[in-house]
Amino acid sequence: MAKLNFGGVEENVVTREEFPLSKAQQVLKNETVAVIGYGVQGPGQALNQKDNGINVIVGQRKDSKTWDKAIRDGFVPGETLFEIEEALQKGTIICYLLSDAAQIALWPTVKKHLTPGKALYFSHGFGITFNEQTGIVPPKDVDVFLVAPKGSGTSLRRMFLQGRGLNSSYAIYQDATGKAFDRVVALGIAVGSGYLFETDFKKEVYSDLTGERGTLMGAIQGIFAAQYEVLRAKGHTPSEAFNETVEELTQSLMPLVAENGMDWMYANCSTTAQRGALDWWKKFRDATKPVFSELYESVATGKESQRSIDSNSQPDYREKLEAELKELRESEIWQAGKTVRSLRPENQKAAAGEGTSSTKEVFRKQALKSESIG
């Protein structure tokens, strides 16, 4: 455990320096880690553990698409890939990585296999924090903890293969064995975390739900749409509006912010951009802060979790979801984005390799696709 200064506040963190992979392997040498669910987080976490020498098995419904994916990824039926209940029985640490709705549905089966001394591992605090809504109340004689990578399972895997690590939070809800800290940190290192910062289940889920609805997806899409629509209404073309709204941000500025910070970005742009950003950022903060406060309260009072549970449990949920996603996918901004992305040099080369001979052909294909959905 190390104490690091984050903007003047000291926090407990775990890095690979004081908890190397060799120590994680030693802690987990007698464990069987059963990854239940092979959808969003499951593949990345299972494969990283496997490559790190951890005894990991996957539990999934047989003959499903994800069962087949696990086989393609190198898990072997009857050896490292099992039906869910058999994996639950074999596992000493249960990595419960199903969706929140699926966790609720499967919980009675999982609970049956949580015998004394086992551990229940989450990557999200939803089920435990909102247990009055989910019914997920673990037995008192098992460890309960979480490791929550701050990104998708795809990013976790990709960064692992690049020799990098994705930051993760960790939390201990229940330490029945006295070994919960070592177990959770060892798993955090084994799944490919760059470093681990301390939290609790409630804070993890409150910040996570706020972030998903806020700057990670909900707010950023809202801001993209607002600026794009204003530019289009003022006579700017779709390509210009998209480039000034999305492309420059994602392709040029955000990588620099990720590498150096927004303070560096402000100090290293044109004086005109610098002046405008300094004049306007507080206006955007003041305009959106009440919305973020409303959002956080909706999360903290359980309104967001209940809405998620209620909507996901509806028999026509998938159909309604697809209609909403279709509206977003077919909106002008993201259709314009398809064409812009196709014109990136790296995509031009890829298209040429597939037999597309010219920029004109790329435009033709995009036009046909737009007409087919218009």
Protein backbone atom coordinates (compact mmCIF):
# COMPACT_ATOMS: atom_id res chain seq x y z
CA MET A 1 0.00 0.00 0.00
CA ALA A 2 1.32 3.43 -0.93
CA LYS A 3 0.08 6.91 -0.12
CA LEU A 4 0.10 9.30 -3.06
CA ASN A 5 -0.86 12.95 -3.33
CA PHE A 6 -3.75 13.64 -5.70
CA GLY A 7 -4.16 17.39 -6.05
CA GLY A 8 -3.34 17.98 -2.39
CA VAL A 9 -5.30 15.00 -1.03
CA GLU A 10 -3.48 11.85 0.11
CA GLU A 11 -5.02 8.55 -1.01
CA ASN A 12 -4.17 4.88 -0.50
CA VAL A 13 -3.19 3.16 -3.74
CA VAL A 14 -1.67 -0.17 -4.70
CA THR A 15 0.87 -0.28 -7.52
CA ARG A 16 2.73 -3.12 -9.18
CA GLU A 17 5.86 -1.97 -7.37
CA GLU A 18 4.72 -3.03 -3.90
CA PHE A 19 2.39 -5.76 -5.16
CA PRO A 20 4.06 -7.34 -8.22
CA LEU A 21 2.51 -10.05 -10.35
CA SER A 22 4.68 -12.67 -8.64
CA LYS A 23 3.02 -11.81 -5.32
CA ALA A 24 -0.44 -11.96 -6.92
CA GLN A 25 0.38 -15.39 -8.32
CA GLN A 26 1.50 -16.56 -4.88
CA VAL A 27 -1.70 -15.31 -3.22
CA LEU A 28 -3.89 -17.00 -5.85
CA LYS A 29 -1.88 -20.21 -6.36
CA ASN A 30 -4.46 -22.41 -4.58
CA GLU A 31 -7.54 -20.58 -5.88
CA THR A 32 -9.80 -21.44 -8.79
CA VAL A 33 -11.18 -18.22 -10.21
CA ALA A 34 -14.55 -18.79 -11.89
CA VAL A 35 -15.50 -15.99 -14.27
CA ILE A 36 -19.28 -16.07 -14.60
CA GLY A 37 -20.38 -14.22 -17.72
CA TYR A 38 -18.42 -13.69 -20.91
CA GLY A 39 -19.89 -10.50 -22.29
CA VAL A 40 -18.52 -7.03 -21.48
CA GLN A 41 -15.86 -7.47 -18.77
CA GLY A 42 -15.61 -11.27 -18.76
CA PRO A 43 -13.35 -11.87 -21.77
CA GLY A 44 -10.76 -9.24 -20.89
CA GLN A 45 -10.54 -10.18 -17.24
CA ALA A 46 -10.51 -13.94 -17.87
CA LEU A 47 -7.89 -13.80 -20.62
CA ASN A 48 -5.61 -11.44 -18.71
CA GLN A 49 -5.73 -13.72 -15.67
CA LYS A 50 -5.11 -16.75 -17.86
CA ASP A 51 -2.08 -15.10 -19.47
CA ASN A 52 -0.84 -14.09 -16.01
CA GLY A 53 -0.76 -17.71 -14.89
CA ILE A 54 -3.88 -17.70 -12.72
CA ASN A 55 -6.06 -20.84 -12.56
CA VAL A 56 -9.13 -19.33 -14.22
CA ILE A 57 -12.24 -21.06 -15.57
CA VAL A 58 -15.25 -19.61 -17.37
CA GLY A 59 -18.90 -20.33 -16.60
CA GLN A 60 -21.31 -19.69 -19.44
CA ARG A 61 -24.48 -21.10 -20.97
CA LYS A 62 -23.58 -23.93 -23.33
CA ASP A 63 -24.08 -23.41 -27.06
CA SER A 64 -24.56 -19.65 -26.65
CA LYS A 65 -22.63 -17.13 -28.75
CA THR A 66 -20.49 -16.28 -25.72
CA TRP A 67 -19.76 -19.98 -25.11
CA ASP A 68 -18.47 -20.17 -28.67
CA LYS A 69 -16.47 -16.98 -28.19
CA ALA A 70 -14.83 -18.44 -25.07
CA ILE A 71 -13.80 -21.49 -27.11
CA ARG A 72 -12.33 -19.26 -29.81
CA ASP A 73 -10.41 -17.44 -27.08
CA GLY A 74 -8.79 -20.68 -25.97
CA PHE A 75 -10.99 -21.95 -23.14
CA VAL A 76 -11.60 -25.68 -23.37
CA PRO A 77 -14.99 -27.29 -22.59
CA GLY A 78 -14.69 -29.67 -19.67
CA GLU A 79 -11.29 -28.26 -18.67
CA THR A 80 -11.50 -24.47 -18.39
CA LEU A 81 -15.02 -23.84 -19.74
CA PHE A 82 -18.11 -25.12 -17.97
CA GLU A 83 -21.84 -24.62 -17.65
CA ILE A 84 -22.49 -21.87 -15.11
CA GLU A 85 -23.53 -24.06 -12.18
CA GLU A 86 -20.55 -26.39 -12.56
CA ALA A 87 -18.19 -23.43 -12.67
CA LEU A 88 -19.83 -22.02 -9.54
CA GLN A 89 -19.26 -25.31 -7.79
CA LYS A 90 -15.59 -25.52 -8.82
CA GLY A 91 -14.69 -21.88 -8.16
CA THR A 92 -13.20 -20.66 -4.88
CA ILE A 93 -13.46 -17.08 -6.11
CA ILE A 94 -16.61 -16.25 -8.08
CA CYS A 95 -16.12 -13.33 -10.47
CA TYR A 96 -19.72 -12.26 -10.97
CA LEU A 97 -19.47 -10.37 -14.27
CA LEU A 98 -22.96 -10.73 -15.70
CA SER A 99 -25.08 -7.65 -16.43
CA ASP A 100 -26.90 -6.15 -13.45
CA ALA A 101 -30.23 -7.60 -14.63
CA ALA A 102 -28.71 -11.06 -15.20
CA GLN A 103 -27.04 -10.96 -11.76
CA ILE A 104 -30.45 -10.51 -10.17
CA ALA A 105 -31.94 -13.41 -12.13
CA LEU A 106 -29.08 -15.82 -11.39
CA TRP A 107 -28.52 -14.84 -7.76
CA PRO A 108 -30.41 -17.77 -6.13
CA THR A 109 -28.17 -20.21 -8.04
CA VAL A 110 -24.99 -18.33 -7.18
CA LYS A 111 -25.86 -18.02 -3.51
CA LYS A 112 -26.37 -21.78 -3.28
CA HIS A 113 -22.70 -22.32 -4.18
CA LEU A 114 -21.21 -19.65 -1.89
CA THR A 115 -19.90 -22.05 0.72
CA PRO A 116 -17.82 -20.83 3.69
CA GLY A 117 -14.42 -19.40 2.78
CA LYS A 118 -15.22 -18.67 -0.85
CA ALA A 119 -15.06 -15.15 -2.27
CA LEU A 120 -17.60 -13.22 -4.32
CA TYR A 121 -16.01 -10.71 -6.70
CA PHE A 122 -17.78 -7.90 -8.54
CA SER A 123 -16.63 -5.24 -10.99
CA HIS A 124 -19.51 -2.95 -10.10
CA GLY A 125 -21.15 -2.03 -6.80
CA PHE A 126 -24.72 -2.10 -8.16
CA GLY A 127 -25.99 -5.45 -6.86
CA ILE A 128 -24.69 -4.99 -3.31
CA THR A 129 -25.39 -1.27 -2.89
CA PHE A 130 -28.98 -1.52 -4.10
CA ASN A 131 -29.63 -4.92 -2.49
CA GLU A 132 -33.13 -3.92 -1.40
CA GLN A 133 -33.95 -3.73 -5.11
CA THR A 134 -31.71 -6.55 -6.35
CA GLY A 135 -32.06 -9.06 -3.50
CA ILE A 136 -28.30 -9.75 -3.63
CA VAL A 137 -27.33 -10.34 0.02
CA PRO A 138 -24.25 -12.60 0.34
CA PRO A 139 -23.79 -15.08 3.22
CA LYS A 140 -21.73 -13.74 6.13
CA ASP A 141 -19.04 -16.43 5.85
CA VAL A 142 -17.66 -15.44 2.41
CA ASP A 143 -15.40 -12.59 1.32
CA VAL A 144 -17.08 -9.95 -0.84
CA PHE A 145 -15.06 -7.38 -2.78
CA LEU A 146 -14.74 -5.65 -6.12
CA VAL A 147 -12.20 -4.58 -8.69
CA ALA A 148 -13.68 -2.06 -11.13
CA PRO A 149 -11.49 -1.29 -14.17
CA LYS A 150 -12.01 2.27 -15.34
CA GLY A 151 -12.85 1.28 -18.88
CA SER A 152 -14.36 -1.46 -21.01
CA GLY A 153 -13.21 -5.05 -20.97
CA THR A 154 -12.00 -4.52 -24.54
CA SER A 155 -9.76 -1.64 -23.39
CA LEU A 156 -8.52 -3.72 -20.45
CA ARG A 157 -7.45 -6.51 -22.80
CA ARG A 158 -5.97 -4.24 -25.46
CA MET A 159 -3.89 -2.30 -22.95
CA PHE A 160 -2.71 -5.54 -21.34
CA LEU A 161 -1.49 -6.82 -24.70
CA GLN A 162 0.32 -3.52 -25.21
CA GLY A 163 2.12 -3.95 -21.89
CA ARG A 164 0.10 -1.18 -20.28
CA GLY A 165 -2.51 -1.17 -17.54
CA LEU A 166 -5.98 0.28 -17.00
CA ASN A 167 -6.54 2.03 -13.66
CA SER A 168 -9.02 0.24 -11.37
CA SER A 169 -10.75 0.88 -8.08
CA TYR A 170 -11.01 -1.79 -5.39
CA ALA A 171 -13.28 -2.17 -2.40
CA ILE A 172 -13.90 -4.71 0.35
CA TYR A 173 -17.49 -5.15 1.49
CA GLN A 174 -17.00 -8.21 3.68
CA ASP A 175 -13.81 -9.84 5.01
CA ALA A 176 -14.87 -13.22 6.37
CA THR A 177 -11.55 -15.01 5.96
CA GLY A 178 -9.08 -12.30 6.96
CA LYS A 179 -7.58 -12.65 3.47
CA ALA A 180 -9.92 -10.35 1.54
CA PHE A 181 -7.34 -7.58 1.02
CA ASP A 182 -4.69 -9.87 -0.43
CA ARG A 183 -7.27 -11.68 -2.55
CA VAL A 184 -8.80 -8.54 -4.05
CA VAL A 185 -5.50 -6.79 -4.73
CA ALA A 186 -4.01 -9.95 -6.24
CA LEU A 187 -7.01 -10.18 -8.57
CA GLY A 188 -6.70 -6.48 -9.42
CA ILE A 189 -3.11 -7.01 -10.50
CA ALA A 190 -3.95 -10.29 -12.28
CA VAL A 191 -6.73 -8.74 -14.42
CA GLY A 192 -4.28 -6.12 -15.68
CA SER A 193 -4.77 -3.02 -13.55
CA GLY A 194 -2.17 -0.28 -13.88
CA TYR A 195 -2.76 0.72 -10.28
CA LEU A 196 -5.60 0.27 -7.79
CA PHE A 197 -7.24 3.04 -5.80
CA GLU A 198 -9.33 2.51 -2.70
CA THR A 199 -13.08 3.08 -2.55
CA ASP A 200 -16.21 1.37 -1.22
CA PHE A 201 -19.15 -0.27 -2.98
CA LYS A 202 -21.48 2.70 -2.57
CA LYS A 203 -19.00 5.29 -3.81
CA GLU A 204 -18.00 3.09 -6.73
CA VAL A 205 -21.54 2.69 -8.01
CA TYR A 206 -22.54 6.30 -7.33
CA SER A 207 -19.54 7.63 -9.27
CA ASP A 208 -19.91 5.00 -11.99
CA LEU A 209 -23.59 5.63 -12.69
CA THR A 210 -23.01 9.39 -12.58
CA GLY A 211 -20.07 9.10 -14.97
CA GLU A 212 -21.90 6.90 -17.49
CA ARG A 213 -24.84 9.27 -17.59
CA GLY A 214 -22.52 12.29 -17.42
CA THR A 215 -19.21 13.07 -19.06
CA LEU A 216 -18.46 9.52 -20.24
CA MET A 217 -21.50 9.11 -22.46
CA GLY A 218 -24.74 10.96 -21.69
CA ALA A 219 -23.43 14.50 -21.26
CA ILE A 220 -20.82 14.24 -23.99
CA GLN A 221 -23.40 13.04 -26.53
CA GLY A 222 -25.71 15.87 -25.44
CA ILE A 223 -22.94 18.45 -25.86
CA PHE A 224 -21.91 17.00 -29.22
CA ALA A 225 -25.52 17.15 -30.43
CA ALA A 226 -26.09 20.71 -29.17
CA GLN A 227 -23.01 22.19 -30.84
CA TYR A 228 -23.53 20.21 -34.05
CA GLU A 229 -27.17 21.29 -34.31
CA VAL A 230 -26.29 24.96 -33.75
CA LEU A 231 -23.60 24.86 -36.43
CA ARG A 232 -25.95 23.12 -38.90
CA ALA A 233 -28.73 25.61 -38.18
CA LYS A 234 -26.29 28.44 -38.94
CA GLY A 235 -25.52 27.02 -42.37
CA HIS A 236 -22.40 24.94 -41.77
CA THR A 237 -22.11 21.70 -43.72
CA PRO A 238 -22.33 18.33 -41.95
CA SER A 239 -18.61 17.66 -42.54
CA GLU A 240 -17.57 21.02 -41.10
CA ALA A 241 -19.93 20.72 -38.14
CA PHE A 242 -18.72 17.20 -37.36
CA ASN A 243 -15.04 18.05 -37.71
CA GLU A 244 -15.32 21.07 -35.41
CA THR A 245 -17.51 19.22 -32.90
CA VAL A 246 -16.15 15.67 -32.72
CA GLU A 247 -13.20 14.89 -34.98
CA GLU A 248 -10.79 17.55 -33.75
CA LEU A 249 -11.64 16.75 -30.14
CA THR A 250 -11.26 12.98 -30.36
CA GLN A 251 -8.41 12.75 -32.86
CA SER A 252 -6.23 15.70 -31.90
CA LEU A 253 -7.02 17.24 -28.53
CA MET A 254 -8.13 14.38 -26.27
CA PRO A 255 -4.98 12.29 -26.86
CA LEU A 256 -2.95 15.35 -25.82
CA VAL A 257 -5.14 15.93 -22.77
CA ALA A 258 -4.77 12.25 -21.82
CA GLU A 259 -1.00 12.53 -22.14
CA ASN A 260 -0.44 15.95 -20.57
CA GLY A 261 -3.62 17.25 -18.91
CA MET A 262 -6.07 20.04 -19.76
CA ASP A 263 -3.84 22.62 -18.05
CA TRP A 264 -1.11 21.79 -20.57
CA MET A 265 -3.66 21.98 -23.40
CA TYR A 266 -4.66 25.49 -22.33
CA ALA A 267 -1.03 26.58 -22.16
CA ASN A 268 -0.19 25.15 -25.61
CA CYS A 269 -2.92 26.36 -27.93
CA SER A 270 -3.27 29.58 -29.92
CA THR A 271 -3.85 32.75 -27.95
CA THR A 272 -7.28 33.10 -29.59
CA ALA A 273 -8.34 29.58 -28.54
CA GLN A 274 -6.80 30.11 -25.13
CA ARG A 275 -8.70 33.36 -24.52
CA GLY A 276 -12.02 31.88 -25.63
CA ALA A 277 -11.62 28.70 -23.56
CA LEU A 278 -10.70 30.67 -20.45
CA ASP A 279 -13.70 32.98 -20.93
CA TRP A 280 -16.24 30.21 -21.54
CA TRP A 281 -15.35 27.15 -19.45
CA LYS A 282 -16.85 28.48 -16.23
CA LYS A 283 -20.08 29.34 -18.04
CA PHE A 284 -20.39 25.73 -19.16
CA ARG A 285 -19.57 24.55 -15.65
CA ASP A 286 -22.21 26.78 -14.10
CA ALA A 287 -24.80 25.78 -16.70
CA THR A 288 -24.27 22.04 -16.30
CA LYS A 289 -23.48 21.73 -12.58
CA PRO A 290 -27.17 21.78 -11.55
CA VAL A 291 -27.83 18.94 -14.02
CA PHE A 292 -24.98 16.91 -12.53
CA SER A 293 -26.31 17.57 -9.02
CA GLU A 294 -29.76 16.38 -10.10
CA LEU A 295 -28.15 13.32 -11.70
CA TYR A 296 -26.16 12.43 -8.59
CA GLU A 297 -29.25 12.68 -6.38
CA SER A 298 -31.16 10.45 -8.77
CA VAL A 299 -28.36 7.87 -8.45
CA ALA A 300 -28.02 8.18 -4.66
CA THR A 301 -31.75 7.85 -3.98
CA GLY A 302 -32.00 4.68 -6.07
CA LYS A 303 -34.12 6.17 -8.85
CA GLU A 304 -31.57 5.34 -11.55
CA SER A 305 -31.04 1.79 -10.34
CA GLN A 306 -34.79 1.15 -10.11
CA ARG A 307 -35.36 2.55 -13.59
CA SER A 308 -32.59 0.31 -14.91
CA ILE A 309 -34.02 -2.79 -13.21
CA ASP A 310 -37.60 -2.01 -14.28
CA SER A 311 -36.76 -1.28 -17.92
CA ASN A 312 -34.33 -4.18 -18.34
CA SER A 313 -36.88 -6.65 -17.01
CA GLN A 314 -39.58 -5.73 -19.55
CA PRO A 315 -40.25 -8.43 -22.19
CA ASP A 316 -39.97 -5.87 -25.02
CA TYR A 317 -36.85 -4.20 -23.62
CA ARG A 318 -34.55 -5.36 -26.44
CA GLU A 319 -36.92 -4.07 -29.13
CA LYS A 320 -37.28 -0.66 -27.46
CA LEU A 321 -33.55 -0.46 -26.85
CA GLU A 322 -32.79 -1.21 -30.50
CA ALA A 323 -35.20 1.54 -31.58
CA GLU A 324 -33.39 4.08 -29.38
CA LEU A 325 -29.98 2.94 -30.57
CA LYS A 326 -31.19 3.07 -34.18
CA GLU A 327 -32.27 6.70 -33.74
CA LEU A 328 -28.79 7.57 -32.44
CA ARG A 329 -27.01 5.49 -35.07
CA GLU A 330 -28.97 7.01 -37.95
CA SER A 331 -28.78 10.63 -36.75
CA GLU A 332 -27.03 12.98 -39.15
CA ILE A 333 -24.10 13.67 -36.84
CA TRP A 334 -23.04 10.02 -36.63
CA GLN A 335 -23.80 9.32 -40.27
CA ALA A 336 -21.55 12.27 -41.11
CA GLY A 337 -19.02 10.75 -38.73
CA LYS A 338 -18.94 7.52 -40.73
CA THR A 339 -17.90 9.39 -43.84
CA VAL A 340 -15.33 11.47 -41.96
CA ARG A 341 -13.79 8.34 -40.41
CA SER A 342 -13.66 6.62 -43.81
CA LEU A 343 -11.48 9.45 -45.08
CA ARG A 344 -8.80 9.08 -42.42
CA PRO A 345 -5.58 7.97 -44.16
CA GLU A 346 -5.36 4.73 -42.19
CA ASN A 347 -8.92 3.81 -43.20
CA GLN A 348 -8.28 4.77 -46.82
CA LYS A 349 -5.38 2.29 -46.85
CA ALA A 350 -7.55 -0.41 -45.28
CA ALA A 351 -10.32 0.22 -47.81
CA ALA A 352 -7.80 0.06 -50.66
CA GLY A 353 -6.61 -3.28 -49.35
CA GLU A 354 -10.15 -4.58 -49.57
CA GLY A 355 -10.42 -3.59 -53.23
CA THR A 356 -11.66 0.01 -52.89
CA SER A 357 -9.63 1.92 -55.43
CA SER A 358 -10.45 5.54 -54.79
CA THR A 359 -11.90 8.19 -52.51
CA LYS A 360 -14.77 8.44 -54.98
CA GLU A 361 -15.68 4.81 -54.27
CA VAL A 362 -15.70 5.46 -50.51
CA PHE A 363 -18.08 8.37 -51.05
CA ARG A 364 -20.28 6.24 -53.31
CA LYS A 365 -20.61 3.50 -50.68
CA GLN A 366 -21.38 6.01 -47.94
CA ALA A 367 -24.01 7.69 -50.12
CA LEU A 368 -25.70 4.38 -50.89
CA LYS A 369 -25.72 3.47 -47.20
CA SER A 370 -27.21 6.88 -46.27
CA GLU A 371 -29.92 6.50 -48.93
CA SER A 372 -30.80 3.03 -47.70
CA ILE A 373 -31.51 4.26 -44.18
CA GLY A 374 -32.97 7.66 -45.01
